[in-house]
Amino acid sequence: MIQARCLVILIFAMVITNCARITPDPAGPVPLSKNKILVVNSNHSLPRYQLAENGFMEALAGKDIVTLDLNNDERPTEQLLDVLNTQQFAAIYTIGAKALGSVDYIDPAAQVIYSSVLSWRQFQSRDNYFGVASEVAPHAQMTWFKYFFPQLKRIGVIYSEDNAGLVKDGERFANQLGIELVSAAVTKVEDLPRIADQLLQKVDALWVLPDPVVLKSESSTKLVFDLAHRRQRPVFAYSSLFMELGATLSINADLATTGRQAAVITQTLLEQQQPESHVQFPAGSSISLNLLKVGEYQLDLNTDALGSVNELLTQ
């Protein structure tokens, strides 16, 4: 179970690379709808992706929407290309990295809305791409960390260049809460064991980010958690999937709300208006807490915070 779920996380974290584009076939008339929307789901069988799609569909009930599930499709671009060659869409909502990568590969000029993509930062400067980030805003995460464990003074974070901006924001918010965010940059996964172990000796807890180097593979992800456990340091994460790997606390994006946010962005674009920003952080969140880890690491937990927990692990 742990291995399977870890692989799911790593699929989310894969970096979408640019490559040769496939252009939709212009031959023949393509029916035009100014309000038709295409929803491309990387894998509808995954509950987290289902929640996002359901939230989107409910918010735009009555709209002309076509759905496409890329689950178990070894050649997703071919299936998508068939749809794009026969219909024209005003906007495309993609859920997950596979869906976004397929759309970007075929038609990078399309008007795209996305969610559940960890590598969203590489798309934030694209004029025609709008999305909801995969993680809760740094200031919200830091606030929850402080609320649950008020005695923590130093939180460590390992990051690559992709997350430099996020870490900088995190440092500012942490300082406002009386927390020192101790950061360690990594460029190669081969350096991760040394950098992680050195950092864990300096901090009270480790904050895990959706990072393409730190979470490059199943082995690198497990390594970070194993080192933290060996040093008796709690891990704070951004997805409940990490709880099975040993995270102590996770501040998770509410995926149904994420889908509704994507729907609002889509509606704004259909009305020929510009969204406030190209990327929004999730408006809703849920919290997972592992009480076994709290006891094992002898952490000073604010018991008043237990009322905010959505998922409590006690065994």
Protein backbone atom coordinates (compact mmCIF):
# COMPACT_ATOMS: atom_id res chain seq x y z
CA MET A 1 0.00 0.00 0.00
CA ILE A 2 2.77 2.43 0.94
CA GLN A 3 4.69 1.67 -2.21
CA ALA A 4 1.61 2.11 -4.39
CA ARG A 5 0.64 5.41 -2.85
CA CYS A 6 4.19 6.67 -2.93
CA LEU A 7 4.27 6.01 -6.65
CA VAL A 8 1.09 8.06 -7.00
CA ILE A 9 2.82 10.97 -5.28
CA LEU A 10 5.79 10.67 -7.59
CA ILE A 11 3.54 10.69 -10.63
CA PHE A 12 2.13 13.99 -9.37
CA ALA A 13 5.66 15.31 -8.91
CA MET A 14 7.01 14.44 -12.34
CA VAL A 15 8.40 17.34 -14.27
CA ILE A 16 6.73 17.93 -17.61
CA THR A 17 9.42 18.45 -20.23
CA ASN A 18 9.07 20.31 -23.50
CA CYS A 19 9.35 18.27 -26.66
CA ALA A 20 8.21 18.26 -30.28
CA ARG A 21 4.59 19.36 -30.60
CA ILE A 22 1.74 17.57 -32.32
CA THR A 23 -0.53 19.98 -34.15
CA PRO A 24 -4.26 19.23 -34.39
CA ASP A 25 -5.31 18.32 -37.93
CA PRO A 26 -6.77 21.46 -39.54
CA ALA A 27 -8.46 19.46 -42.33
CA GLY A 28 -12.24 19.62 -42.39
CA PRO A 29 -14.66 21.90 -40.53
CA VAL A 30 -14.44 21.90 -36.75
CA PRO A 31 -17.65 22.82 -34.92
CA LEU A 32 -17.08 25.96 -32.87
CA SER A 33 -18.65 26.60 -29.49
CA LYS A 34 -17.74 29.76 -27.62
CA ASN A 35 -18.60 28.13 -24.30
CA LYS A 36 -17.71 24.46 -24.76
CA ILE A 37 -15.30 23.14 -22.13
CA LEU A 38 -13.08 20.06 -22.24
CA VAL A 39 -12.17 18.35 -18.96
CA VAL A 40 -9.12 16.07 -19.23
CA ASN A 41 -8.55 13.86 -16.18
CA SER A 42 -5.25 12.01 -15.79
CA ASN A 43 -7.00 9.17 -13.94
CA HIS A 44 -10.63 9.44 -12.93
CA SER A 45 -10.35 6.29 -10.81
CA LEU A 46 -8.17 8.13 -8.28
CA PRO A 47 -10.41 9.62 -5.57
CA ARG A 48 -8.37 12.82 -5.37
CA TYR A 49 -8.85 13.44 -9.08
CA GLN A 50 -12.53 12.49 -8.87
CA LEU A 51 -13.09 15.09 -6.15
CA ALA A 52 -11.53 17.86 -8.24
CA GLU A 53 -13.56 16.92 -11.33
CA ASN A 54 -16.81 16.61 -9.37
CA GLY A 55 -16.29 20.01 -7.76
CA PHE A 56 -15.65 21.53 -11.18
CA MET A 57 -18.67 19.89 -12.81
CA GLU A 58 -21.04 20.84 -9.99
CA ALA A 59 -19.93 24.47 -10.11
CA LEU A 60 -20.52 24.63 -13.88
CA ALA A 61 -23.68 22.53 -14.02
CA GLY A 62 -25.59 23.22 -17.22
CA LYS A 63 -22.50 24.15 -19.22
CA ASP A 64 -21.51 22.34 -22.40
CA ILE A 65 -18.75 20.10 -21.02
CA VAL A 66 -16.95 17.15 -22.61
CA THR A 67 -14.95 14.85 -20.30
CA LEU A 68 -11.96 12.70 -21.20
CA ASP A 69 -10.28 10.13 -18.90
CA LEU A 70 -6.67 9.23 -19.75
CA ASN A 71 -6.54 6.35 -17.25
CA ASN A 72 -4.84 3.23 -18.64
CA ASP A 73 -4.25 4.99 -21.94
CA GLU A 74 -0.70 4.22 -23.09
CA ARG A 75 -0.98 6.83 -25.84
CA PRO A 76 -2.94 9.67 -24.24
CA THR A 77 -1.96 12.23 -26.85
CA GLU A 78 -3.61 10.21 -29.62
CA GLN A 79 -6.91 10.00 -27.75
CA LEU A 80 -6.77 13.70 -26.96
CA LEU A 81 -5.84 14.59 -30.52
CA ASP A 82 -8.91 12.75 -31.83
CA VAL A 83 -11.14 14.91 -29.61
CA LEU A 84 -9.41 18.17 -30.54
CA ASN A 85 -9.63 17.35 -34.25
CA THR A 86 -13.41 16.98 -34.12
CA GLN A 87 -14.38 19.71 -31.66
CA GLN A 88 -13.16 23.15 -30.67
CA PHE A 89 -13.18 24.26 -27.05
CA ALA A 90 -13.16 27.66 -25.43
CA ALA A 91 -11.22 26.28 -22.46
CA ILE A 92 -9.58 23.04 -21.33
CA TYR A 93 -9.45 22.02 -17.65
CA THR A 94 -6.70 19.48 -16.92
CA ILE A 95 -6.45 17.45 -13.72
CA GLY A 96 -3.02 15.99 -12.95
CA ALA A 97 0.35 16.11 -14.68
CA LYS A 98 -0.49 13.52 -17.35
CA ALA A 99 -3.47 15.53 -18.55
CA LEU A 100 -1.65 18.86 -18.53
CA GLY A 101 1.41 17.39 -20.22
CA SER A 102 -0.72 15.86 -22.97
CA VAL A 103 -2.53 19.11 -23.71
CA ASP A 104 0.70 21.11 -23.65
CA TYR A 105 2.31 18.58 -26.00
CA ILE A 106 -0.47 18.81 -28.57
CA ASP A 107 -1.67 22.40 -28.39
CA PRO A 108 0.42 24.74 -26.21
CA ALA A 109 -1.61 27.71 -27.47
CA ALA A 110 -4.87 26.40 -25.97
CA GLN A 111 -6.51 28.24 -23.08
CA VAL A 112 -5.80 25.91 -20.17
CA ILE A 113 -6.89 25.72 -16.55
CA TYR A 114 -5.14 23.11 -14.38
CA SER A 115 -4.99 21.64 -10.88
CA SER A 116 -3.28 18.74 -9.04
CA VAL A 117 0.03 19.44 -10.80
CA LEU A 118 3.11 19.69 -8.58
CA SER A 119 5.27 21.23 -11.32
CA TRP A 120 2.83 24.13 -11.79
CA ARG A 121 5.56 26.73 -11.36
CA GLN A 122 6.96 26.07 -14.82
CA PHE A 123 3.62 27.16 -16.29
CA GLN A 124 2.91 30.24 -14.18
CA SER A 125 4.45 32.65 -16.70
CA ARG A 126 2.43 31.32 -19.65
CA ASP A 127 -0.18 33.88 -20.73
CA ASN A 128 -2.78 31.25 -21.63
CA TYR A 129 -2.33 28.97 -18.59
CA PHE A 130 -4.22 29.44 -15.32
CA GLY A 131 -4.27 27.11 -12.37
CA VAL A 132 -4.72 26.21 -8.75
CA ALA A 133 -1.51 25.27 -6.93
CA SER A 134 -1.18 21.76 -5.53
CA GLU A 135 -0.26 22.90 -2.02
CA VAL A 136 -1.78 25.22 0.55
CA ALA A 137 -0.17 28.69 0.68
CA PRO A 138 3.09 28.83 2.69
CA HIS A 139 1.77 31.35 5.21
CA ALA A 140 -1.22 29.12 5.96
CA GLN A 141 1.00 26.07 6.42
CA MET A 142 3.33 27.93 8.75
CA THR A 143 0.41 29.22 10.79
CA TRP A 144 -0.89 25.69 11.29
CA PHE A 145 2.58 24.38 12.19
CA LYS A 146 2.86 27.01 14.90
CA TYR A 147 -0.68 26.39 16.16
CA PHE A 148 -0.17 22.65 16.57
CA PHE A 149 3.38 22.80 17.94
CA PRO A 150 3.94 26.23 19.52
CA GLN A 151 7.30 25.25 21.03
CA LEU A 152 8.97 24.51 17.70
CA LYS A 153 11.63 27.11 16.92
CA ARG A 154 13.49 25.82 13.87
CA ILE A 155 11.92 24.11 10.86
CA GLY A 156 14.10 22.77 8.07
CA VAL A 157 13.30 22.59 4.37
CA ILE A 158 15.21 21.06 1.44
CA TYR A 159 14.54 22.58 -1.95
CA SER A 160 15.75 22.85 -5.52
CA GLU A 161 15.79 25.93 -7.74
CA ASP A 162 12.14 25.39 -8.71
CA ASN A 163 11.04 26.16 -5.15
CA ALA A 164 13.41 29.03 -4.35
CA GLY A 165 10.59 31.58 -4.44
CA LEU A 166 8.33 29.49 -2.23
CA VAL A 167 11.08 29.04 0.34
CA LYS A 168 11.76 32.77 0.36
CA ASP A 169 8.08 33.42 1.06
CA GLY A 170 8.13 30.73 3.73
CA GLU A 171 11.08 32.37 5.48
CA ARG A 172 9.23 35.67 5.67
CA PHE A 173 6.06 34.15 7.09
CA ALA A 174 8.00 31.96 9.51
CA ASN A 175 9.83 34.96 10.93
CA GLN A 176 6.52 36.69 11.59
CA LEU A 177 5.50 33.69 13.70
CA GLY A 178 8.75 33.49 15.63
CA ILE A 179 9.97 30.48 13.65
CA GLU A 180 13.36 30.19 11.97
CA LEU A 181 13.10 28.44 8.62
CA VAL A 182 16.45 26.76 7.98
CA SER A 183 16.80 26.00 4.28
CA ALA A 184 19.18 23.74 2.37
CA ALA A 185 19.44 23.87 -1.41
CA VAL A 186 20.00 20.73 -3.46
CA THR A 187 20.76 20.46 -7.18
CA LYS A 188 21.42 16.73 -7.57
CA VAL A 189 19.54 13.86 -5.98
CA GLU A 190 22.90 12.21 -5.28
CA ASP A 191 23.62 14.94 -2.73
CA LEU A 192 20.29 14.49 -0.96
CA PRO A 193 21.39 12.00 1.77
CA ARG A 194 24.23 14.22 2.98
CA ILE A 195 22.28 17.48 2.79
CA ALA A 196 19.19 16.02 4.46
CA ASP A 197 21.08 14.44 7.34
CA GLN A 198 23.09 17.59 8.01
CA LEU A 199 19.94 19.71 8.04
CA LEU A 200 18.00 17.35 10.32
CA GLN A 201 20.66 17.75 13.00
CA LYS A 202 20.02 21.52 13.11
CA VAL A 203 16.22 21.68 13.22
CA ASP A 204 13.18 20.62 15.26
CA ALA A 205 11.10 19.48 12.27
CA LEU A 206 11.26 19.04 8.49
CA TRP A 207 8.88 20.70 6.03
CA VAL A 208 8.44 18.70 2.81
CA LEU A 209 7.68 20.58 -0.40
CA PRO A 210 6.48 19.28 -3.78
CA ASP A 211 10.00 19.37 -5.16
CA PRO A 212 11.15 17.63 -8.37
CA VAL A 213 14.62 16.86 -6.96
CA VAL A 214 13.78 15.91 -3.37
CA LEU A 215 10.84 13.75 -4.54
CA LYS A 216 12.45 12.68 -7.78
CA SER A 217 11.94 8.97 -7.13
CA GLU A 218 10.36 6.57 -4.69
CA SER A 219 13.76 5.89 -3.17
CA SER A 220 14.63 9.57 -2.65
CA THR A 221 11.25 10.21 -1.03
CA LYS A 222 11.60 7.25 1.32
CA LEU A 223 15.17 8.28 2.12
CA VAL A 224 14.06 11.68 3.43
CA PHE A 225 11.43 10.13 5.69
CA ASP A 226 13.79 7.42 6.93
CA LEU A 227 16.47 9.98 7.82
CA ALA A 228 13.93 12.14 9.65
CA HIS A 229 12.70 9.15 11.65
CA ARG A 230 16.25 8.13 12.49
CA ARG A 231 16.90 11.63 13.83
CA GLN A 232 13.50 11.63 15.61
CA ARG A 233 12.34 14.69 13.71
CA PRO A 234 8.69 15.15 12.72
CA VAL A 235 7.90 15.67 9.04
CA PHE A 236 5.29 18.26 8.02
CA ALA A 237 3.80 17.54 4.59
CA TYR A 238 1.30 18.89 2.05
CA SER A 239 -0.67 15.72 1.22
CA SER A 240 -2.33 13.07 3.37
CA LEU A 241 -0.65 10.44 1.18
CA PHE A 242 2.56 11.14 3.09
CA MET A 243 1.01 10.01 6.38
CA GLU A 244 1.67 6.39 5.43
CA LEU A 245 5.33 7.24 4.94
CA GLY A 246 5.53 8.58 8.49
CA ALA A 247 4.59 12.26 8.31
CA THR A 248 3.47 13.72 11.63
CA LEU A 249 1.33 16.55 10.28
CA SER A 250 -0.02 17.34 6.83
CA ILE A 251 -1.87 20.44 5.66
CA ASN A 252 -3.77 19.21 2.62
CA ALA A 253 -5.51 21.10 -0.16
CA ASP A 254 -9.26 20.48 -0.19
CA LEU A 255 -9.62 18.96 -3.63
CA ALA A 256 -13.33 19.58 -4.14
CA THR A 257 -12.72 23.25 -3.39
CA THR A 258 -9.79 23.18 -5.81
CA GLY A 259 -12.14 21.99 -8.55
CA ARG A 260 -14.61 24.77 -7.73
CA GLN A 261 -11.80 27.33 -7.88
CA ALA A 262 -10.84 26.03 -11.31
CA ALA A 263 -14.49 26.42 -12.34
CA VAL A 264 -14.52 30.07 -11.24
CA ILE A 265 -11.34 30.70 -13.26
CA THR A 266 -12.92 29.01 -16.27
CA GLN A 267 -16.12 31.04 -16.00
CA THR A 268 -14.09 34.24 -15.76
CA LEU A 269 -12.24 33.35 -18.96
CA LEU A 270 -15.46 32.44 -20.76
CA GLU A 271 -16.75 35.90 -19.90
CA GLN A 272 -13.67 37.35 -21.65
CA GLN A 273 -12.27 38.64 -18.37
CA GLN A 274 -8.84 38.17 -16.85
CA PRO A 275 -8.48 36.20 -13.58
CA GLU A 276 -6.77 38.04 -10.74
CA SER A 277 -3.65 35.91 -11.12
CA HIS A 278 -2.34 33.06 -13.22
CA VAL A 279 -2.00 30.80 -10.17
CA GLN A 280 -4.14 30.66 -7.05
CA PHE A 281 -3.43 28.75 -3.87
CA PRO A 282 -6.18 26.38 -2.68
CA ALA A 283 -8.91 28.20 -0.77
CA GLY A 284 -9.78 25.21 1.42
CA SER A 285 -7.72 22.74 3.41
CA SER A 286 -7.91 19.66 5.60
CA ILE A 287 -5.52 18.49 8.29
CA SER A 288 -4.02 15.06 9.01
CA LEU A 289 -2.24 14.33 12.31
CA ASN A 290 -0.38 11.22 13.48
CA LEU A 291 -0.69 11.02 17.27
CA LEU A 292 1.67 8.05 17.39
CA LYS A 293 4.46 10.20 15.97
CA VAL A 294 3.60 13.01 18.37
CA GLY A 295 4.12 10.64 21.29
CA GLU A 296 7.13 8.88 19.81
CA TYR A 297 8.98 12.16 19.24
CA GLN A 298 7.74 13.61 22.56
CA LEU A 299 6.34 16.70 20.87
CA ASP A 300 4.58 19.44 22.81
CA LEU A 301 1.17 19.37 21.09
CA ASN A 302 -1.39 22.12 21.58
CA THR A 303 -4.40 19.95 22.46
CA ASP A 304 -6.77 22.76 21.49
CA ALA A 305 -5.66 22.16 17.90
CA LEU A 306 -7.14 18.66 17.86
CA GLY A 307 -10.55 20.12 17.07
CA SER A 308 -9.17 21.24 13.70
CA VAL A 309 -8.02 17.76 12.65
CA ASN A 310 -9.88 16.00 9.84
CA GLU A 311 -7.84 12.79 9.85
CA LEU A 312 -6.39 11.50 13.13
CA LEU A 313 -4.03 8.52 13.09
CA THR A 314 -3.83 6.69 16.41
CA GLN A 315 -2.52 3.29 15.37
